[in-house]
Structure formats: structure tokens, C-alpha cells
Amino acid sequence: MDMEAAGVARLAQMRGIPFYCVKGVSDGFRDRLPDFNRFILPNGRFQLGRFIVHCILRPWHWPSLMRMGENSRKAAQGIRESLLDFLDERGYISERQWRPR
């Protein structure tokens, strides 16, 4: 479990709430990505325009960012499938409700 999930898991445990975590990884170990934290304001908003300008001027980030975009799509699909399988196994939904025909 990673640091973000561990904090939520602790709070859930303290309150007796079941906790499950499904995460996807979108960046590769060797990818050269910019520091995204530099573009997050104190209120948590991401400065997309500033980030885009930063990246346009640094083409060495482009391949990793493109891979990250594709990997994010795949990770989101994997998380979706995992969540639907989890809900189906516990009887919360029926497989026919969510599987494409």
C-alpha cells in the first residue's frame, strides 16, 4: 500500500469502516517527467496552462508524457474492471448490468 492509501486506510480502520484500494500506475520507472507538484496551487488546483507551456519548452518530456497518457487510459480501464468484478463478486451488481454485449 502506498502512502496516500495508508492514511485513508488508517482513518477507515479507526472508524471500523471497510477499506479497499485499487490503484493504477501510469508512469514508467525510467520515464523523465516534470515535477507535477510545481504546478499545484496551495488550494489544490492544477495550473494546466503553466504546465503545458513548461512542457512545450522541454521536448525531452514529450515521449514520457505521451506514454503516461496512454498508460493512464489503460490503468483507468483496469481499475474499472477490477471495481466491477469486486462489486459483482459481492452481489452488488449483476454482470449483465456492466459487461458489453
PDB file of N, CA and C in Angstrom:
ATOM      1  N   MET A   1       0.856  -1.171   0.000  1.00  0.00           N
ATOM      2  CA  MET A   1       0.000   0.000   0.000  1.00  0.00           C
ATOM      3  C   MET A   1       0.903   1.236   0.000  1.00  0.00           C
ATOM      4  N   ASP A   2       0.526   2.248  -0.731  1.00  0.00           N
ATOM      5  CA  ASP A   2       1.332   3.456  -0.799  1.00  0.00           C
ATOM      6  C   ASP A   2       0.964   4.437   0.314  1.00  0.00           C
ATOM      7  N   MET A   3       1.680   5.541   0.365  1.00  0.00           N
ATOM      8  CA  MET A   3       1.491   6.499   1.466  1.00  0.00           C
ATOM      9  C   MET A   3       0.096   7.113   1.471  1.00  0.00           C
ATOM     10  N   GLU A   4      -0.431   7.498   0.293  1.00  0.00           N
ATOM     11  CA  GLU A   4      -1.751   8.127   0.258  1.00  0.00           C
ATOM     12  C   GLU A   4      -2.824   7.173   0.760  1.00  0.00           C
ATOM     13  N   ALA A   5      -2.803   5.953   0.278  1.00  0.00           N
ATOM     14  CA  ALA A   5      -3.814   4.972   0.673  1.00  0.00           C
ATOM     15  C   ALA A   5      -3.655   4.579   2.143  1.00  0.00           C
ATOM     16  N   ALA A   6      -2.437   4.553   2.638  1.00  0.00           N
ATOM     17  CA  ALA A   6      -2.205   4.147   4.023  1.00  0.00           C
ATOM     18  C   ALA A   6      -2.896   5.100   4.999  1.00  0.00           C
ATOM     19  N   GLY A   7      -2.861   6.381   4.718  1.00  0.00           N
ATOM     20  CA  GLY A   7      -3.512   7.356   5.585  1.00  0.00           C
ATOM     21  C   GLY A   7      -5.022   7.171   5.611  1.00  0.00           C
ATOM     22  N   VAL A   8      -5.607   6.944   4.462  1.00  0.00           N
ATOM     23  CA  VAL A   8      -7.052   6.720   4.382  1.00  0.00           C
ATOM     24  C   VAL A   8      -7.407   5.399   5.059  1.00  0.00           C
ATOM     25  N   ALA A   9      -6.574   4.375   4.861  1.00  0.00           N
ATOM     26  CA  ALA A   9      -6.820   3.062   5.477  1.00  0.00           C
ATOM     27  C   ALA A   9      -6.813   3.176   7.002  1.00  0.00           C
ATOM     28  N   ARG A  10      -5.878   3.943   7.544  1.00  0.00           N
ATOM     29  CA  ARG A  10      -5.809   4.129   8.996  1.00  0.00           C
ATOM     30  C   ARG A  10      -7.078   4.794   9.525  1.00  0.00           C
ATOM     31  N   LEU A  11      -7.520   5.843   8.844  1.00  0.00           N
ATOM     32  CA  LEU A  11      -8.739   6.537   9.281  1.00  0.00           C
ATOM     33  C   LEU A  11      -9.948   5.611   9.195  1.00  0.00           C
ATOM     34  N   ALA A  12     -10.040   4.825   8.128  1.00  0.00           N
ATOM     35  CA  ALA A  12     -11.159   3.886   7.992  1.00  0.00           C
ATOM     36  C   ALA A  12     -11.120   2.847   9.113  1.00  0.00           C
ATOM     37  N   GLN A  13      -9.927   2.333   9.400  1.00  0.00           N
ATOM     38  CA  GLN A  13      -9.792   1.328  10.454  1.00  0.00           C
ATOM     39  C   GLN A  13     -10.204   1.904  11.808  1.00  0.00           C
ATOM     40  N   MET A  14      -9.813   3.139  12.088  1.00  0.00           N
ATOM     41  CA  MET A  14     -10.162   3.777  13.357  1.00  0.00           C
ATOM     42  C   MET A  14     -11.676   3.898  13.530  1.00  0.00           C
ATOM     43  N   ARG A  15     -12.386   3.994  12.415  1.00  0.00           N
ATOM     44  CA  ARG A  15     -13.839   4.167  12.466  1.00  0.00           C
ATOM     45  C   ARG A  15     -14.594   2.880  12.168  1.00  0.00           C
ATOM     46  N   GLY A  16     -13.857   1.783  11.989  1.00  0.00           N
ATOM     47  CA  GLY A  16     -14.486   0.500  11.718  1.00  0.00           C
ATOM     48  C   GLY A  16     -15.135   0.406  10.347  1.00  0.00           C
ATOM     49  N   ILE A  17     -14.608   1.160   9.392  1.00  0.00           N
ATOM     50  CA  ILE A  17     -15.156   1.180   8.039  1.00  0.00           C
ATOM     51  C   ILE A  17     -14.286   0.295   7.147  1.00  0.00           C
ATOM     52  N   PRO A  18     -14.894  -0.628   6.413  1.00  0.00           N
ATOM     53  CA  PRO A  18     -14.093  -1.446   5.489  1.00  0.00           C
ATOM     54  C   PRO A  18     -13.392  -0.561   4.463  1.00  0.00           C
ATOM     55  N   PHE A  19     -12.175  -0.926   4.110  1.00  0.00           N
ATOM     56  CA  PHE A  19     -11.390  -0.124   3.166  1.00  0.00           C
ATOM     57  C   PHE A  19     -10.753  -1.039   2.140  1.00  0.00           C
ATOM     58  N   TYR A  20     -10.909  -0.679   0.895  1.00  0.00           N
ATOM     59  CA  TYR A  20     -10.273  -1.381  -0.214  1.00  0.00           C
ATOM     60  C   TYR A  20      -9.596  -0.338  -1.080  1.00  0.00           C
ATOM     61  N   CYS A  21      -8.492  -0.712  -1.671  1.00  0.00           N
ATOM     62  CA  CYS A  21      -7.759   0.227  -2.511  1.00  0.00           C
ATOM     63  C   CYS A  21      -7.385  -0.459  -3.818  1.00  0.00           C
ATOM     64  N   VAL A  22      -7.746   0.173  -4.916  1.00  0.00           N
ATOM     65  CA  VAL A  22      -7.352  -0.295  -6.240  1.00  0.00           C
ATOM     66  C   VAL A  22      -6.659   0.887  -6.903  1.00  0.00           C
ATOM     67  N   LYS A  23      -5.417   0.687  -7.320  1.00  0.00           N
ATOM     68  CA  LYS A  23      -4.670   1.785  -7.926  1.00  0.00           C
ATOM     69  C   LYS A  23      -4.097   1.341  -9.257  1.00  0.00           C
ATOM     70  N   GLY A  24      -3.849   2.297 -10.088  1.00  0.00           N
ATOM     71  CA  GLY A  24      -3.202   2.040 -11.374  1.00  0.00           C
ATOM     72  C   GLY A  24      -1.943   2.877 -11.471  1.00  0.00           C
ATOM     73  N   VAL A  25      -0.970   2.368 -12.184  1.00  0.00           N
ATOM     74  CA  VAL A  25       0.289   3.086 -12.375  1.00  0.00           C
ATOM     75  C   VAL A  25       0.344   3.581 -13.813  1.00  0.00           C
ATOM     76  N   SER A  26       0.623   4.858 -13.984  1.00  0.00           N
ATOM     77  CA  SER A  26       0.630   5.417 -15.334  1.00  0.00           C
ATOM     78  C   SER A  26       2.005   5.893 -15.784  1.00  0.00           C
ATOM     79  N   ASP A  27       2.968   5.945 -14.889  1.00  0.00           N
ATOM     80  CA  ASP A  27       4.308   6.365 -15.300  1.00  0.00           C
ATOM     81  C   ASP A  27       5.291   5.210 -15.140  1.00  0.00           C
ATOM     82  N   GLY A  28       6.240   5.170 -16.057  1.00  0.00           N
ATOM     83  CA  GLY A  28       7.249   4.122 -16.030  1.00  0.00           C
ATOM     84  C   GLY A  28       8.407   4.468 -15.113  1.00  0.00           C
ATOM     85  N   PHE A  29       9.112   3.457 -14.692  1.00  0.00           N
ATOM     86  CA  PHE A  29      10.230   3.632 -13.766  1.00  0.00           C
ATOM     87  C   PHE A  29      11.294   4.570 -14.338  1.00  0.00           C
ATOM     88  N   ARG A  30      11.561   4.463 -15.614  1.00  0.00           N
ATOM     89  CA  ARG A  30      12.623   5.261 -16.236  1.00  0.00           C
ATOM     90  C   ARG A  30      12.124   6.521 -16.946  1.00  0.00           C
ATOM     91  N   ASP A  31      10.837   6.790 -16.875  1.00  0.00           N
ATOM     92  CA  ASP A  31      10.291   7.964 -17.553  1.00  0.00           C
ATOM     93  C   ASP A  31      10.827   9.254 -16.943  1.00  0.00           C
ATOM     94  N   ARG A  32      11.128  10.203 -17.820  1.00  0.00           N
ATOM     95  CA  ARG A  32      11.593  11.531 -17.392  1.00  0.00           C
ATOM     96  C   ARG A  32      10.403  12.477 -17.444  1.00  0.00           C
ATOM     97  N   LEU A  33       9.790  12.675 -16.303  1.00  0.00           N
ATOM     98  CA  LEU A  33       8.613  13.535 -16.216  1.00  0.00           C
ATOM     99  C   LEU A  33       8.919  14.783 -15.399  1.00  0.00           C
ATOM    100  N   PRO A  34       8.213  15.869 -15.705  1.00  0.00           N
ATOM    101  CA  PRO A  34       8.403  17.080 -14.894  1.00  0.00           C
ATOM    102  C   PRO A  34       7.834  16.865 -13.487  1.00  0.00           C
ATOM    103  N   ASP A  35       8.247  17.704 -12.572  1.00  0.00           N
ATOM    104  CA  ASP A  35       7.729  17.665 -11.201  1.00  0.00           C
ATOM    105  C   ASP A  35       6.341  18.309 -11.197  1.00  0.00           C
ATOM    106  N   PHE A  36       5.316  17.488 -11.136  1.00  0.00           N
ATOM    107  CA  PHE A  36       3.937  17.985 -11.191  1.00  0.00           C
ATOM    108  C   PHE A  36       3.601  18.864  -9.989  1.00  0.00           C
ATOM    109  N   ASN A  37       4.265  18.655  -8.873  1.00  0.00           N
ATOM    110  CA  ASN A  37       3.990  19.441  -7.659  1.00  0.00           C
ATOM    111  C   ASN A  37       4.229  20.933  -7.868  1.00  0.00           C
ATOM    112  N   ARG A  38       5.116  21.267  -8.785  1.00  0.00           N
ATOM    113  CA  ARG A  38       5.415  22.683  -9.057  1.00  0.00           C
ATOM    114  C   ARG A  38       4.205  23.425  -9.619  1.00  0.00           C
ATOM    115  N   PHE A  39       3.231  22.700 -10.103  1.00  0.00           N
ATOM    116  CA  PHE A  39       2.094  23.302 -10.782  1.00  0.00           C
ATOM    117  C   PHE A  39       0.795  23.189  -9.983  1.00  0.00           C
ATOM    118  N   ILE A  40       0.915  22.810  -8.723  1.00  0.00           N
ATOM    119  CA  ILE A  40      -0.250  22.696  -7.855  1.00  0.00           C
ATOM    120  C   ILE A  40      -0.280  23.890  -6.901  1.00  0.00           C
ATOM    121  N   LEU A  41      -1.375  24.607  -6.947  1.00  0.00           N
ATOM    122  CA  LEU A  41      -1.544  25.778  -6.082  1.00  0.00           C
ATOM    123  C   LEU A  41      -1.854  25.332  -4.650  1.00  0.00           C
ATOM    124  N   PRO A  42      -1.689  26.213  -3.663  1.00  0.00           N
ATOM    125  CA  PRO A  42      -1.995  25.854  -2.274  1.00  0.00           C
ATOM    126  C   PRO A  42      -3.429  25.345  -2.068  1.00  0.00           C
ATOM    127  N   ASN A  43      -4.357  25.785  -2.927  1.00  0.00           N
ATOM    128  CA  ASN A  43      -5.744  25.317  -2.786  1.00  0.00           C
ATOM    129  C   ASN A  43      -5.980  23.972  -3.486  1.00  0.00           C
ATOM    130  N   GLY A  44      -4.913  23.393  -4.062  1.00  0.00           N
ATOM    131  CA  GLY A  44      -5.009  22.084  -4.696  1.00  0.00           C
ATOM    132  C   GLY A  44      -5.278  22.107  -6.188  1.00  0.00           C
ATOM    133  N   ARG A  45      -5.540  23.265  -6.749  1.00  0.00           N
ATOM    134  CA  ARG A  45      -5.814  23.357  -8.192  1.00  0.00           C
ATOM    135  C   ARG A  45      -4.539  23.197  -8.996  1.00  0.00           C
ATOM    136  N   PHE A  46      -4.676  22.500 -10.121  1.00  0.00           N
ATOM    137  CA  PHE A  46      -3.538  22.259 -11.009  1.00  0.00           C
ATOM    138  C   PHE A  46      -3.501  23.359 -12.068  1.00  0.00           C
ATOM    139  N   GLN A  47      -2.335  23.960 -12.252  1.00  0.00           N
ATOM    140  CA  GLN A  47      -2.158  25.037 -13.223  1.00  0.00           C
ATOM    141  C   GLN A  47      -1.828  24.432 -14.594  1.00  0.00           C
ATOM    142  N   LEU A  48      -2.863  24.042 -15.307  1.00  0.00           N
ATOM    143  CA  LEU A  48      -2.688  23.339 -16.571  1.00  0.00           C
ATOM    144  C   LEU A  48      -1.965  24.189 -17.613  1.00  0.00           C
ATOM    145  N   GLY A  49      -2.356  25.441 -17.766  1.00  0.00           N
ATOM    146  CA  GLY A  49      -1.711  26.311 -18.754  1.00  0.00           C
ATOM    147  C   GLY A  49      -0.218  26.448 -18.508  1.00  0.00           C
ATOM    148  N   ARG A  50       0.140  26.702 -17.274  1.00  0.00           N
ATOM    149  CA  ARG A  50       1.557  26.832 -16.914  1.00  0.00           C
ATOM    150  C   ARG A  50       2.305  25.522 -17.166  1.00  0.00           C
ATOM    151  N   PHE A  51       1.652  24.400 -16.863  1.00  0.00           N
ATOM    152  CA  PHE A  51       2.252  23.091 -17.086  1.00  0.00           C
ATOM    153  C   PHE A  51       2.485  22.842 -18.580  1.00  0.00           C
ATOM    154  N   ILE A  52       1.499  23.177 -19.407  1.00  0.00           N
ATOM    155  CA  ILE A  52       1.636  22.975 -20.853  1.00  0.00           C
ATOM    156  C   ILE A  52       2.784  23.798 -21.414  1.00  0.00           C
ATOM    157  N   VAL A  53       2.876  25.060 -21.030  1.00  0.00           N
ATOM    158  CA  VAL A  53       3.974  25.912 -21.504  1.00  0.00           C
ATOM    159  C   VAL A  53       5.313  25.319 -21.067  1.00  0.00           C
ATOM    160  N   HIS A  54       5.402  24.895 -19.831  1.00  0.00           N
ATOM    161  CA  HIS A  54       6.629  24.280 -19.314  1.00  0.00           C
ATOM    162  C   HIS A  54       7.031  23.087 -20.177  1.00  0.00           C
ATOM    163  N   CYS A  55       6.062  22.234 -20.499  1.00  0.00           N
ATOM    164  CA  CYS A  55       6.355  21.013 -21.260  1.00  0.00           C
ATOM    165  C   CYS A  55       6.665  21.294 -22.723  1.00  0.00           C
ATOM    166  N   ILE A  56       5.998  22.276 -23.310  1.00  0.00           N
ATOM    167  CA  ILE A  56       6.273  22.628 -24.711  1.00  0.00           C
ATOM    168  C   ILE A  56       7.736  23.031 -24.866  1.00  0.00           C
ATOM    169  N   LEU A  57       8.258  23.697 -23.876  1.00  0.00           N
ATOM    170  CA  LEU A  57       9.645  24.171 -23.939  1.00  0.00           C
ATOM    171  C   LEU A  57      10.660  23.091 -23.566  1.00  0.00           C
ATOM    172  N   ARG A  58      10.213  21.910 -23.202  1.00  0.00           N
ATOM    173  CA  ARG A  58      11.099  20.813 -22.791  1.00  0.00           C
ATOM    174  C   ARG A  58      10.711  19.528 -23.520  1.00  0.00           C
ATOM    175  N   PRO A  59      11.103  19.424 -24.786  1.00  0.00           N
ATOM    176  CA  PRO A  59      10.685  18.278 -25.612  1.00  0.00           C
ATOM    177  C   PRO A  59      11.175  16.925 -25.100  1.00  0.00           C
ATOM    178  N   TRP A  60      12.164  16.897 -24.228  1.00  0.00           N
ATOM    179  CA  TRP A  60      12.624  15.619 -23.695  1.00  0.00           C
ATOM    180  C   TRP A  60      11.566  14.963 -22.807  1.00  0.00           C
ATOM    181  N   HIS A  61      10.586  15.738 -22.367  1.00  0.00           N
ATOM    182  CA  HIS A  61       9.478  15.179 -21.581  1.00  0.00           C
ATOM    183  C   HIS A  61       8.386  14.566 -22.459  1.00  0.00           C
ATOM    184  N   TRP A  62       8.326  14.944 -23.730  1.00  0.00           N
ATOM    185  CA  TRP A  62       7.213  14.553 -24.586  1.00  0.00           C
ATOM    186  C   TRP A  62       6.999  13.041 -24.670  1.00  0.00           C
ATOM    187  N   PRO A  63       8.031  12.235 -24.935  1.00  0.00           N
ATOM    188  CA  PRO A  63       7.779  10.784 -25.038  1.00  0.00           C
ATOM    189  C   PRO A  63       7.185  10.199 -23.751  1.00  0.00           C
ATOM    190  N   SER A  64       7.720  10.595 -22.615  1.00  0.00           N
ATOM    191  CA  SER A  64       7.212  10.080 -21.336  1.00  0.00           C
ATOM    192  C   SER A  64       5.787  10.546 -21.083  1.00  0.00           C
ATOM    193  N   LEU A  65       5.472  11.787 -21.431  1.00  0.00           N
ATOM    194  CA  LEU A  65       4.116  12.297 -21.239  1.00  0.00           C
ATOM    195  C   LEU A  65       3.124  11.572 -22.144  1.00  0.00           C
ATOM    196  N   MET A  66       3.536  11.267 -23.370  1.00  0.00           N
ATOM    197  CA  MET A  66       2.648  10.523 -24.268  1.00  0.00           C
ATOM    198  C   MET A  66       2.413   9.107 -23.751  1.00  0.00           C
ATOM    199  N   ARG A  67       3.488   8.463 -23.259  1.00  0.00           N
ATOM    200  CA  ARG A  67       3.323   7.129 -22.657  1.00  0.00           C
ATOM    201  C   ARG A  67       2.422   7.203 -21.432  1.00  0.00           C
ATOM    202  N   MET A  68       2.612   8.243 -20.649  1.00  0.00           N
ATOM    203  CA  MET A  68       1.801   8.402 -19.444  1.00  0.00           C
ATOM    204  C   MET A  68       0.325   8.548 -19.799  1.00  0.00           C
ATOM    205  N   GLY A  69       0.032   9.287 -20.856  1.00  0.00           N
ATOM    206  CA  GLY A  69      -1.349   9.437 -21.293  1.00  0.00           C
ATOM    207  C   GLY A  69      -1.970   8.102 -21.674  1.00  0.00           C
ATOM    208  N   GLU A  70      -1.261   7.317 -22.460  1.00  0.00           N
ATOM    209  CA  GLU A  70      -1.768   6.003 -22.868  1.00  0.00           C
ATOM    210  C   GLU A  70      -1.863   5.061 -21.666  1.00  0.00           C
ATOM    211  N   ASN A  71      -0.839   5.077 -20.815  1.00  0.00           N
ATOM    212  CA  ASN A  71      -0.853   4.220 -19.630  1.00  0.00           C
ATOM    213  C   ASN A  71      -1.975   4.606 -18.674  1.00  0.00           C
ATOM    214  N   SER A  72      -2.298   5.902 -18.592  1.00  0.00           N
ATOM    215  CA  SER A  72      -3.396   6.351 -17.731  1.00  0.00           C
ATOM    216  C   SER A  72      -4.719   5.798 -18.234  1.00  0.00           C
ATOM    217  N   ARG A  73      -4.908   5.797 -19.549  1.00  0.00           N
ATOM    218  CA  ARG A  73      -6.124   5.238 -20.126  1.00  0.00           C
ATOM    219  C   ARG A  73      -6.238   3.756 -19.791  1.00  0.00           C
ATOM    220  N   LYS A  74      -5.125   3.019 -19.956  1.00  0.00           N
ATOM    221  CA  LYS A  74      -5.123   1.584 -19.650  1.00  0.00           C
ATOM    222  C   LYS A  74      -5.344   1.340 -18.155  1.00  0.00           C
ATOM    223  N   ALA A  75      -4.717   2.155 -17.319  1.00  0.00           N
ATOM    224  CA  ALA A  75      -4.869   1.997 -15.869  1.00  0.00           C
ATOM    225  C   ALA A  75      -6.311   2.262 -15.450  1.00  0.00           C
ATOM    226  N   ALA A  76      -6.937   3.294 -16.025  1.00  0.00           N
ATOM    227  CA  ALA A  76      -8.330   3.598 -15.695  1.00  0.00           C
ATOM    228  C   ALA A  76      -9.241   2.439 -16.096  1.00  0.00           C
ATOM    229  N   GLN A  77      -8.985   1.849 -17.255  1.00  0.00           N
ATOM    230  CA  GLN A  77      -9.783   0.706 -17.699  1.00  0.00           C
ATOM    231  C   GLN A  77      -9.581  -0.480 -16.753  1.00  0.00           C
ATOM    232  N   GLY A  78      -8.343  -0.724 -16.337  1.00  0.00           N
ATOM    233  CA  GLY A  78      -8.056  -1.810 -15.400  1.00  0.00           C
ATOM    234  C   GLY A  78      -8.728  -1.603 -14.059  1.00  0.00           C
ATOM    235  N   ILE A  79      -8.717  -0.377 -13.572  1.00  0.00           N
ATOM    236  CA  ILE A  79      -9.382  -0.056 -12.301  1.00  0.00           C
ATOM    237  C   ILE A  79     -10.885  -0.279 -12.446  1.00  0.00           C
ATOM    238  N   ARG A  80     -11.444   0.159 -13.563  1.00  0.00           N
ATOM    239  CA  ARG A  80     -12.877  -0.039 -13.811  1.00  0.00           C
ATOM    240  C   ARG A  80     -13.226  -1.520 -13.759  1.00  0.00           C
ATOM    241  N   GLU A  81     -12.458  -2.336 -14.462  1.00  0.00           N
ATOM    242  CA  GLU A  81     -12.733  -3.775 -14.491  1.00  0.00           C
ATOM    243  C   GLU A  81     -12.594  -4.389 -13.094  1.00  0.00           C
ATOM    244  N   SER A  82     -11.553  -3.996 -12.368  1.00  0.00           N
ATOM    245  CA  SER A  82     -11.350  -4.525 -11.014  1.00  0.00           C
ATOM    246  C   SER A  82     -12.507  -4.158 -10.097  1.00  0.00           C
ATOM    247  N   LEU A  83     -12.940  -2.910 -10.176  1.00  0.00           N
ATOM    248  CA  LEU A  83     -14.040  -2.456  -9.332  1.00  0.00           C
ATOM    249  C   LEU A  83     -15.344  -3.179  -9.682  1.00  0.00           C
ATOM    250  N   LEU A  84     -15.623  -3.322 -10.963  1.00  0.00           N
ATOM    251  CA  LEU A  84     -16.846  -4.009 -11.367  1.00  0.00           C
ATOM    252  C   LEU A  84     -16.803  -5.486 -10.980  1.00  0.00           C
ATOM    253  N   ASP A  85     -15.644  -6.127 -11.125  1.00  0.00           N
ATOM    254  CA  ASP A  85     -15.506  -7.523 -10.687  1.00  0.00           C
ATOM    255  C   ASP A  85     -15.758  -7.641  -9.186  1.00  0.00           C
ATOM    256  N   PHE A  86     -15.174  -6.734  -8.420  1.00  0.00           N
ATOM    257  CA  PHE A  86     -15.328  -6.715  -6.975  1.00  0.00           C
ATOM    258  C   PHE A  86     -16.805  -6.585  -6.593  1.00  0.00           C
ATOM    259  N   LEU A  87     -17.496  -5.644  -7.214  1.00  0.00           N
ATOM    260  CA  LEU A  87     -18.912  -5.425  -6.908  1.00  0.00           C
ATOM    261  C   LEU A  87     -19.767  -6.609  -7.347  1.00  0.00           C
ATOM    262  N   ASP A  88     -19.426  -7.201  -8.484  1.00  0.00           N
ATOM    263  CA  ASP A  88     -20.173  -8.348  -8.994  1.00  0.00           C
ATOM    264  C   ASP A  88     -19.995  -9.558  -8.077  1.00  0.00           C
ATOM    265  N   GLU A  89     -18.761  -9.814  -7.623  1.00  0.00           N
ATOM    266  CA  GLU A  89     -18.491 -10.955  -6.744  1.00  0.00           C
ATOM    267  C   GLU A  89     -19.264 -10.859  -5.435  1.00  0.00           C
ATOM    268  N   ARG A  90     -19.518  -9.662  -4.981  1.00  0.00           N
ATOM    269  CA  ARG A  90     -20.232  -9.469  -3.717  1.00  0.00           C
ATOM    270  C   ARG A  90     -21.734  -9.310  -3.907  1.00  0.00           C
ATOM    271  N   GLY A  91     -22.197  -9.420  -5.151  1.00  0.00           N
ATOM    272  CA  GLY A  91     -23.627  -9.370  -5.421  1.00  0.00           C
ATOM    273  C   GLY A  91     -24.230  -7.977  -5.446  1.00  0.00           C
ATOM    274  N   TYR A  92     -23.380  -6.942  -5.494  1.00  0.00           N
ATOM    275  CA  TYR A  92     -23.908  -5.580  -5.524  1.00  0.00           C
ATOM    276  C   TYR A  92     -24.459  -5.213  -6.900  1.00  0.00           C
ATOM    277  N   ILE A  93     -23.898  -5.839  -7.927  1.00  0.00           N
ATOM    278  CA  ILE A  93     -24.388  -5.621  -9.285  1.00  0.00           C
ATOM    279  C   ILE A  93     -24.418  -6.965  -9.994  1.00  0.00           C
ATOM    280  N   SER A  94     -25.146  -7.010 -11.063  1.00  0.00           N
ATOM    281  CA  SER A  94     -25.211  -8.212 -11.885  1.00  0.00           C
ATOM    282  C   SER A  94     -24.257  -8.027 -13.058  1.00  0.00           C
ATOM    283  N   GLU A  95     -23.570  -9.086 -13.443  1.00  0.00           N
ATOM    284  CA  GLU A  95     -22.614  -8.994 -14.545  1.00  0.00           C
ATOM    285  C   GLU A  95     -23.281  -8.453 -15.802  1.00  0.00           C
ATOM    286  N   ARG A  96     -24.526  -8.807 -16.052  1.00  0.00           N
ATOM    287  CA  ARG A  96     -25.184  -8.338 -17.272  1.00  0.00           C
ATOM    288  C   ARG A  96     -25.426  -6.824 -17.239  1.00  0.00           C
ATOM    289  N   GLN A  97     -25.351  -6.209 -16.041  1.00  0.00           N
ATOM    290  CA  GLN A  97     -25.529  -4.768 -15.957  1.00  0.00           C
ATOM    291  C   GLN A  97     -24.338  -3.998 -16.517  1.00  0.00           C
ATOM    292  N   TRP A  98     -23.177  -4.607 -16.510  1.00  0.00           N
ATOM    293  CA  TRP A  98     -21.999  -3.818 -16.858  1.00  0.00           C
ATOM    294  C   TRP A  98     -21.142  -4.406 -17.959  1.00  0.00           C
ATOM    295  N   ARG A  99     -21.286  -5.663 -18.305  1.00  0.00           N
ATOM    296  CA  ARG A  99     -20.474  -6.247 -19.375  1.00  0.00           C
ATOM    297  C   ARG A  99     -21.047  -5.872 -20.730  1.00  0.00           C
ATOM    298  N   PRO A 100     -20.188  -5.426 -21.654  1.00  0.00           N
ATOM    299  CA  PRO A 100     -20.686  -5.136 -23.001  1.00  0.00           C
ATOM    300  C   PRO A 100     -21.197  -6.413 -23.660  1.00  0.00           C
ATOM    301  N   ARG A 101     -22.215  -6.288 -24.458  1.00  0.00           N
ATOM    302  CA  ARG A 101     -22.803  -7.454 -25.120  1.00  0.00           C
ATOM    303  C   ARG A 101     -22.232  -7.649 -26.483  1.00  0.00           C
TER     304      ARG A 101
END
